[in-house]
């Protein structure tokens, strides 16, 4: 009579663990990269919002290129967030508004990776 085998052998369990570890080795770095790209895109959107608010502020108040708006001048009338405050960088960077002749900037700016998708830069500044 043949005996029925119950359970898995050690080799089968080790193969399953190895396959799972290979999949995790591939998936985890891509997850972290996708998260940072998402944060960078959010930051780029905030920089566009600040640039647009600066332009509207300058037109409404007849300001020139050397004038600099304050956060208080932009937030209640030109940047309407859900909490009534200046937008924040999701990666912890600080925004610099600058005068009308410069684009708003994030303190993170370009990072050390070769991929430009995760940089915190307002890309329209070059033209």
N, C-alpha and C. Protein backbone atom coordinates (compact mmCIF):
# COMPACT_ATOMS: atom_id res chain seq x y z
N UNK A 1 0.83 -1.18 0.00
CA UNK A 1 0.00 0.00 0.00
C UNK A 1 0.88 1.26 0.00
N UNK A 2 0.39 2.27 -0.70
CA UNK A 2 1.10 3.55 -0.75
C UNK A 2 0.64 4.44 0.39
N UNK A 3 1.60 5.12 0.93
CA UNK A 3 1.31 6.05 2.01
C UNK A 3 1.04 7.43 1.42
N UNK A 4 0.00 8.12 1.86
CA UNK A 4 -0.29 9.48 1.39
C UNK A 4 0.62 10.46 2.09
N UNK A 5 1.09 11.41 1.32
CA UNK A 5 2.00 12.40 1.84
C UNK A 5 1.21 13.64 2.27
N UNK A 6 1.35 14.07 3.51
CA UNK A 6 0.69 15.26 4.01
C UNK A 6 1.74 16.36 4.21
N UNK A 7 1.44 17.57 3.75
CA UNK A 7 2.35 18.70 3.95
C UNK A 7 3.35 18.84 2.81
N UNK A 8 4.26 19.79 3.01
CA UNK A 8 5.28 20.12 2.01
C UNK A 8 6.64 19.67 2.51
N UNK A 9 7.52 19.42 1.56
CA UNK A 9 8.89 19.08 1.94
C UNK A 9 9.66 20.37 2.19
N UNK A 10 10.80 20.26 2.82
CA UNK A 10 11.64 21.42 3.11
C UNK A 10 12.10 22.09 1.82
N UNK A 11 12.42 21.33 0.80
CA UNK A 11 12.87 21.89 -0.48
C UNK A 11 11.75 22.71 -1.12
N UNK A 12 10.53 22.24 -1.09
CA UNK A 12 9.41 22.99 -1.66
C UNK A 12 9.19 24.31 -0.93
N UNK A 13 9.29 24.29 0.37
CA UNK A 13 9.13 25.52 1.16
C UNK A 13 10.25 26.50 0.85
N UNK A 14 11.48 26.00 0.73
CA UNK A 14 12.62 26.87 0.43
C UNK A 14 12.49 27.49 -0.96
N UNK A 15 11.96 26.76 -1.93
CA UNK A 15 11.76 27.31 -3.27
C UNK A 15 10.72 28.42 -3.25
N UNK A 16 9.64 28.23 -2.51
CA UNK A 16 8.60 29.26 -2.40
C UNK A 16 9.16 30.51 -1.74
N UNK A 17 9.94 30.35 -0.67
CA UNK A 17 10.54 31.49 0.01
C UNK A 17 11.51 32.23 -0.92
N UNK A 18 12.28 31.49 -1.70
CA UNK A 18 13.21 32.10 -2.64
C UNK A 18 12.47 32.91 -3.70
N UNK A 19 11.40 32.36 -4.24
CA UNK A 19 10.62 33.07 -5.26
C UNK A 19 10.03 34.36 -4.68
N UNK A 20 9.50 34.28 -3.48
CA UNK A 20 8.93 35.47 -2.84
C UNK A 20 10.02 36.52 -2.60
N UNK A 21 11.20 36.11 -2.17
CA UNK A 21 12.27 37.08 -1.91
C UNK A 21 12.75 37.73 -3.20
N UNK A 22 12.79 37.00 -4.31
CA UNK A 22 13.17 37.59 -5.60
C UNK A 22 12.13 38.61 -6.03
N UNK A 23 10.86 38.28 -5.89
CA UNK A 23 9.80 39.23 -6.25
C UNK A 23 9.85 40.49 -5.39
N UNK A 24 10.10 40.33 -4.11
CA UNK A 24 10.21 41.50 -3.23
C UNK A 24 11.43 42.35 -3.57
N UNK A 25 12.53 41.71 -3.95
CA UNK A 25 13.73 42.44 -4.33
C UNK A 25 13.46 43.32 -5.55
N UNK A 26 12.62 42.86 -6.43
CA UNK A 26 12.27 43.63 -7.62
C UNK A 26 11.23 44.70 -7.29
N UNK A 27 10.24 44.37 -6.48
CA UNK A 27 9.09 45.25 -6.27
C UNK A 27 9.36 46.41 -5.31
N UNK A 28 10.10 46.20 -4.24
CA UNK A 28 10.27 47.24 -3.22
C UNK A 28 10.97 48.49 -3.75
N UNK A 29 12.10 48.39 -4.48
CA UNK A 29 12.70 49.62 -5.00
C UNK A 29 11.78 50.37 -5.96
N UNK A 30 11.00 49.64 -6.77
CA UNK A 30 10.06 50.31 -7.67
C UNK A 30 8.96 51.01 -6.90
N UNK A 31 8.54 50.44 -5.80
CA UNK A 31 7.52 51.09 -4.98
C UNK A 31 8.05 52.41 -4.40
N UNK A 32 9.27 52.39 -3.87
CA UNK A 32 9.84 53.61 -3.30
C UNK A 32 10.07 54.67 -4.37
N UNK A 33 10.50 54.27 -5.57
CA UNK A 33 10.70 55.22 -6.65
C UNK A 33 9.37 55.84 -7.07
N UNK A 34 8.34 55.01 -7.20
CA UNK A 34 7.03 55.53 -7.59
C UNK A 34 6.49 56.50 -6.55
N UNK A 35 6.73 56.22 -5.28
CA UNK A 35 6.28 57.12 -4.22
C UNK A 35 7.00 58.46 -4.31
N UNK A 36 8.32 58.46 -4.56
CA UNK A 36 9.06 59.72 -4.66
C UNK A 36 8.69 60.50 -5.92
N UNK A 37 8.42 59.80 -7.02
CA UNK A 37 7.97 60.49 -8.24
C UNK A 37 6.62 61.15 -7.98
N UNK A 38 5.75 60.48 -7.26
CA UNK A 38 4.45 61.05 -6.93
C UNK A 38 4.60 62.29 -6.06
N UNK A 39 5.49 62.23 -5.08
CA UNK A 39 5.74 63.41 -4.24
C UNK A 39 6.31 64.56 -5.06
N UNK A 40 7.21 64.26 -5.98
CA UNK A 40 7.82 65.30 -6.81
C UNK A 40 6.77 65.94 -7.72
N UNK A 41 5.88 65.14 -8.27
CA UNK A 41 4.83 65.70 -9.13
C UNK A 41 3.88 66.60 -8.33
N UNK A 42 3.60 66.21 -7.10
CA UNK A 42 2.78 67.05 -6.23
C UNK A 42 3.49 68.37 -5.96
N UNK A 43 4.78 68.30 -5.71
CA UNK A 43 5.57 69.52 -5.47
C UNK A 43 5.58 70.40 -6.72
N UNK A 44 5.75 69.81 -7.90
CA UNK A 44 5.74 70.58 -9.14
C UNK A 44 4.39 71.27 -9.35
N UNK A 45 3.31 70.58 -8.99
CA UNK A 45 1.99 71.19 -9.08
C UNK A 45 1.83 72.36 -8.12
N UNK A 46 2.38 72.22 -6.92
CA UNK A 46 2.35 73.33 -5.96
C UNK A 46 3.15 74.52 -6.47
N UNK A 47 4.29 74.26 -7.09
CA UNK A 47 5.10 75.36 -7.64
C UNK A 47 4.36 76.08 -8.76
N UNK A 48 3.64 75.31 -9.60
CA UNK A 48 2.82 75.95 -10.65
C UNK A 48 1.73 76.81 -10.03
N UNK A 49 1.11 76.32 -8.95
CA UNK A 49 0.07 77.07 -8.26
C UNK A 49 0.61 78.37 -7.69
N UNK A 50 1.79 78.31 -7.08
CA UNK A 50 2.41 79.51 -6.52
C UNK A 50 2.77 80.50 -7.63
N UNK A 51 3.31 80.00 -8.75
CA UNK A 51 3.66 80.88 -9.86
C UNK A 51 2.42 81.58 -10.43
N UNK A 52 1.35 80.84 -10.55
CA UNK A 52 0.11 81.42 -11.06
C UNK A 52 -0.44 82.47 -10.08
N UNK A 53 -0.37 82.17 -8.79
CA UNK A 53 -0.84 83.13 -7.78
C UNK A 53 0.01 84.40 -7.80
N UNK A 54 1.31 84.26 -8.00
CA UNK A 54 2.19 85.43 -8.09
C UNK A 54 1.81 86.32 -9.27
N UNK A 55 1.56 85.68 -10.41
CA UNK A 55 1.19 86.45 -11.60
C UNK A 55 -0.13 87.18 -11.40
N UNK A 56 -1.11 86.51 -10.82
CA UNK A 56 -2.41 87.16 -10.56
C UNK A 56 -2.25 88.30 -9.57
N UNK A 57 -1.45 88.09 -8.51
CA UNK A 57 -1.20 89.13 -7.52
C UNK A 57 -0.55 90.35 -8.18
N UNK A 58 0.42 90.11 -9.06
CA UNK A 58 1.12 91.21 -9.72
C UNK A 58 0.19 91.99 -10.65
N UNK A 59 -0.68 91.29 -11.36
CA UNK A 59 -1.60 91.98 -12.26
C UNK A 59 -2.64 92.77 -11.48
N UNK A 60 -3.18 92.19 -10.41
CA UNK A 60 -4.21 92.87 -9.63
C UNK A 60 -3.66 94.10 -8.91
N UNK A 61 -2.41 94.05 -8.48
CA UNK A 61 -1.83 95.15 -7.70
C UNK A 61 -0.88 96.02 -8.51
N UNK A 62 -0.82 95.79 -9.83
CA UNK A 62 0.04 96.57 -10.73
C UNK A 62 1.48 96.61 -10.25
N UNK A 63 2.05 95.43 -10.01
CA UNK A 63 3.42 95.30 -9.52
C UNK A 63 4.37 94.98 -10.67
N UNK A 64 5.65 95.31 -10.47
CA UNK A 64 6.67 95.07 -11.49
C UNK A 64 7.50 93.84 -11.19
N UNK A 65 8.55 93.64 -12.01
CA UNK A 65 9.40 92.46 -11.88
C UNK A 65 10.21 92.43 -10.59
N UNK A 66 10.47 93.57 -10.00
CA UNK A 66 11.30 93.59 -8.79
C UNK A 66 10.48 93.43 -7.50
N UNK A 67 9.16 93.42 -7.61
CA UNK A 67 8.32 93.28 -6.42
C UNK A 67 8.20 91.81 -6.00
N UNK A 68 8.10 91.61 -4.68
CA UNK A 68 8.02 90.26 -4.13
C UNK A 68 6.75 90.13 -3.29
N UNK A 69 5.89 89.18 -3.65
CA UNK A 69 4.69 88.97 -2.83
C UNK A 69 5.05 88.19 -1.56
N UNK A 70 4.31 88.41 -0.51
CA UNK A 70 4.49 87.64 0.71
C UNK A 70 3.51 86.47 0.71
N UNK A 71 3.74 85.52 1.59
CA UNK A 71 2.80 84.39 1.71
C UNK A 71 1.43 84.87 2.11
N UNK A 72 1.40 85.86 3.01
CA UNK A 72 0.12 86.39 3.48
C UNK A 72 -0.65 87.08 2.37
N UNK A 73 0.06 87.66 1.40
CA UNK A 73 -0.62 88.32 0.28
C UNK A 73 -1.20 87.32 -0.70
N UNK A 74 -0.61 86.14 -0.78
CA UNK A 74 -1.06 85.15 -1.76
C UNK A 74 -2.13 84.21 -1.24
N UNK A 75 -2.01 83.80 0.01
CA UNK A 75 -2.85 82.70 0.51
C UNK A 75 -4.35 83.02 0.55
N UNK A 76 -4.81 84.06 1.17
CA UNK A 76 -6.27 84.15 1.25
C UNK A 76 -6.96 84.42 -0.08
N UNK A 77 -6.31 85.18 -0.97
CA UNK A 77 -7.00 85.58 -2.19
C UNK A 77 -6.61 84.77 -3.42
N UNK A 78 -5.37 84.34 -3.52
CA UNK A 78 -4.89 83.72 -4.75
C UNK A 78 -4.59 82.23 -4.63
N UNK A 79 -4.33 81.75 -3.43
CA UNK A 79 -4.13 80.32 -3.19
C UNK A 79 -5.21 79.89 -2.22
N UNK A 80 -6.17 79.15 -2.72
CA UNK A 80 -7.29 78.75 -1.89
C UNK A 80 -7.15 77.26 -1.56
N UNK A 81 -6.45 76.98 -0.51
CA UNK A 81 -6.30 75.60 -0.07
C UNK A 81 -7.43 75.24 0.88
N UNK A 82 -7.49 73.98 1.22
CA UNK A 82 -8.56 73.53 2.11
C UNK A 82 -8.40 74.05 3.52
N UNK A 83 -7.15 74.35 3.93
CA UNK A 83 -6.96 74.86 5.29
C UNK A 83 -6.56 76.33 5.32
N UNK A 84 -6.50 76.96 4.15
CA UNK A 84 -6.17 78.38 4.11
C UNK A 84 -4.71 78.68 4.38
N UNK A 85 -3.82 77.73 4.11
CA UNK A 85 -2.39 77.94 4.31
C UNK A 85 -1.65 77.65 3.01
N UNK A 86 -0.39 78.07 2.98
CA UNK A 86 0.46 77.84 1.81
C UNK A 86 0.65 76.33 1.61
N UNK A 87 0.63 75.85 0.36
CA UNK A 87 0.86 74.42 0.14
C UNK A 87 2.25 74.01 0.61
N UNK A 88 2.39 72.74 0.98
CA UNK A 88 3.68 72.25 1.47
C UNK A 88 4.19 71.13 0.58
N UNK A 89 5.51 71.00 0.53
CA UNK A 89 6.15 69.93 -0.22
C UNK A 89 5.96 68.61 0.53
N UNK A 90 5.54 67.58 -0.16
CA UNK A 90 5.28 66.28 0.46
C UNK A 90 6.56 65.60 0.94
N UNK A 91 7.71 66.02 0.41
CA UNK A 91 8.98 65.42 0.82
C UNK A 91 9.68 66.22 1.91
N UNK A 92 9.05 67.26 2.40
CA UNK A 92 9.63 68.05 3.48
C UNK A 92 10.42 69.25 3.03
N UNK A 93 10.37 69.60 1.77
CA UNK A 93 11.09 70.77 1.28
C UNK A 93 10.36 72.06 1.63
N UNK A 94 11.08 73.16 1.53
CA UNK A 94 10.51 74.49 1.79
C UNK A 94 10.40 75.26 0.48
N UNK A 95 9.31 75.99 0.30
CA UNK A 95 9.12 76.78 -0.91
C UNK A 95 9.65 78.19 -0.72
N UNK A 96 10.30 78.69 -1.76
CA UNK A 96 10.75 80.07 -1.82
C UNK A 96 9.93 80.75 -2.92
N UNK A 97 9.22 81.81 -2.56
CA UNK A 97 8.36 82.48 -3.53
C UNK A 97 9.20 83.29 -4.51
N UNK A 98 10.10 84.11 -4.01
CA UNK A 98 10.94 84.94 -4.88
C UNK A 98 10.20 86.14 -5.43
N UNK A 99 10.94 87.00 -6.13
CA UNK A 99 10.30 88.17 -6.72
C UNK A 99 9.65 87.77 -8.05
N UNK A 100 9.06 88.74 -8.72
CA UNK A 100 8.30 88.44 -9.93
C UNK A 100 9.17 88.01 -11.09
N UNK A 101 10.46 88.31 -11.07
CA UNK A 101 11.33 87.91 -12.17
C UNK A 101 11.90 86.51 -12.00
N UNK A 102 11.64 85.86 -10.86
CA UNK A 102 12.13 84.50 -10.65
C UNK A 102 10.95 83.55 -10.43
N UNK A 103 11.19 82.28 -10.71
CA UNK A 103 10.17 81.27 -10.50
C UNK A 103 10.22 80.79 -9.06
N UNK A 104 9.11 80.36 -8.52
CA UNK A 104 9.15 79.77 -7.17
C UNK A 104 10.02 78.51 -7.19
N UNK A 105 10.63 78.20 -6.04
CA UNK A 105 11.55 77.06 -5.98
C UNK A 105 11.29 76.24 -4.73
N UNK A 106 11.66 74.97 -4.80
CA UNK A 106 11.61 74.07 -3.65
C UNK A 106 13.04 73.85 -3.18
N UNK A 107 13.23 73.72 -1.88
CA UNK A 107 14.57 73.55 -1.35
C UNK A 107 15.18 72.21 -1.75
N UNK A 108 14.37 71.23 -2.12
CA UNK A 108 14.90 69.94 -2.55
C UNK A 108 15.46 70.04 -3.96
N UNK A 109 14.80 70.77 -4.83
CA UNK A 109 15.24 71.01 -6.20
C UNK A 109 15.56 69.70 -6.91
N UNK A 110 16.76 69.59 -7.45
CA UNK A 110 17.16 68.37 -8.15
C UNK A 110 17.89 67.46 -7.18
N UNK A 111 17.55 66.18 -7.23
CA UNK A 111 18.25 65.25 -6.35
C UNK A 111 19.36 64.54 -7.11
N UNK A 112 20.01 63.60 -6.49
CA UNK A 112 21.21 63.00 -7.06
C UNK A 112 20.94 61.87 -8.05
N UNK A 113 19.69 61.53 -8.30
CA UNK A 113 19.41 60.44 -9.22
C UNK A 113 19.48 60.91 -10.66
N UNK A 114 19.73 59.98 -11.57
CA UNK A 114 19.78 60.31 -12.99
C UNK A 114 18.38 60.57 -13.55
N UNK A 115 17.37 60.04 -12.90
CA UNK A 115 15.99 60.20 -13.34
C UNK A 115 15.50 61.59 -12.98
N UNK A 116 15.05 62.35 -13.97
CA UNK A 116 14.58 63.72 -13.74
C UNK A 116 13.13 63.76 -13.29
N UNK A 117 12.42 62.63 -13.33
CA UNK A 117 11.00 62.61 -12.96
C UNK A 117 10.79 62.85 -11.48
N UNK A 118 11.80 62.60 -10.64
CA UNK A 118 11.63 62.79 -9.20
C UNK A 118 12.30 64.06 -8.68
N UNK A 119 12.57 65.02 -9.58
CA UNK A 119 13.12 66.30 -9.16
C UNK A 119 11.99 67.25 -8.79
N UNK A 120 12.25 68.10 -7.82
CA UNK A 120 11.26 69.07 -7.35
C UNK A 120 11.56 70.43 -7.99
N UNK A 121 11.31 70.53 -9.29
CA UNK A 121 11.64 71.73 -10.05
C UNK A 121 10.44 72.11 -10.89
N UNK A 122 10.18 73.40 -10.97
CA UNK A 122 9.13 73.92 -11.84
C UNK A 122 9.71 73.96 -13.24
N UNK A 123 9.36 73.01 -14.11
CA UNK A 123 10.04 72.80 -15.37
C UNK A 123 9.82 73.88 -16.39
N UNK A 124 8.82 74.69 -16.27
CA UNK A 124 8.57 75.72 -17.27
C UNK A 124 9.49 76.93 -17.12
N UNK A 125 10.36 76.91 -16.10
CA UNK A 125 11.23 78.06 -15.89
C UNK A 125 12.22 78.23 -17.02
N UNK A 126 12.57 77.17 -17.74
CA UNK A 126 13.53 77.27 -18.83
C UNK A 126 12.88 77.69 -20.14
N UNK A 127 11.59 77.78 -20.16
CA UNK A 127 10.94 78.22 -21.37
C UNK A 127 9.81 77.34 -21.80
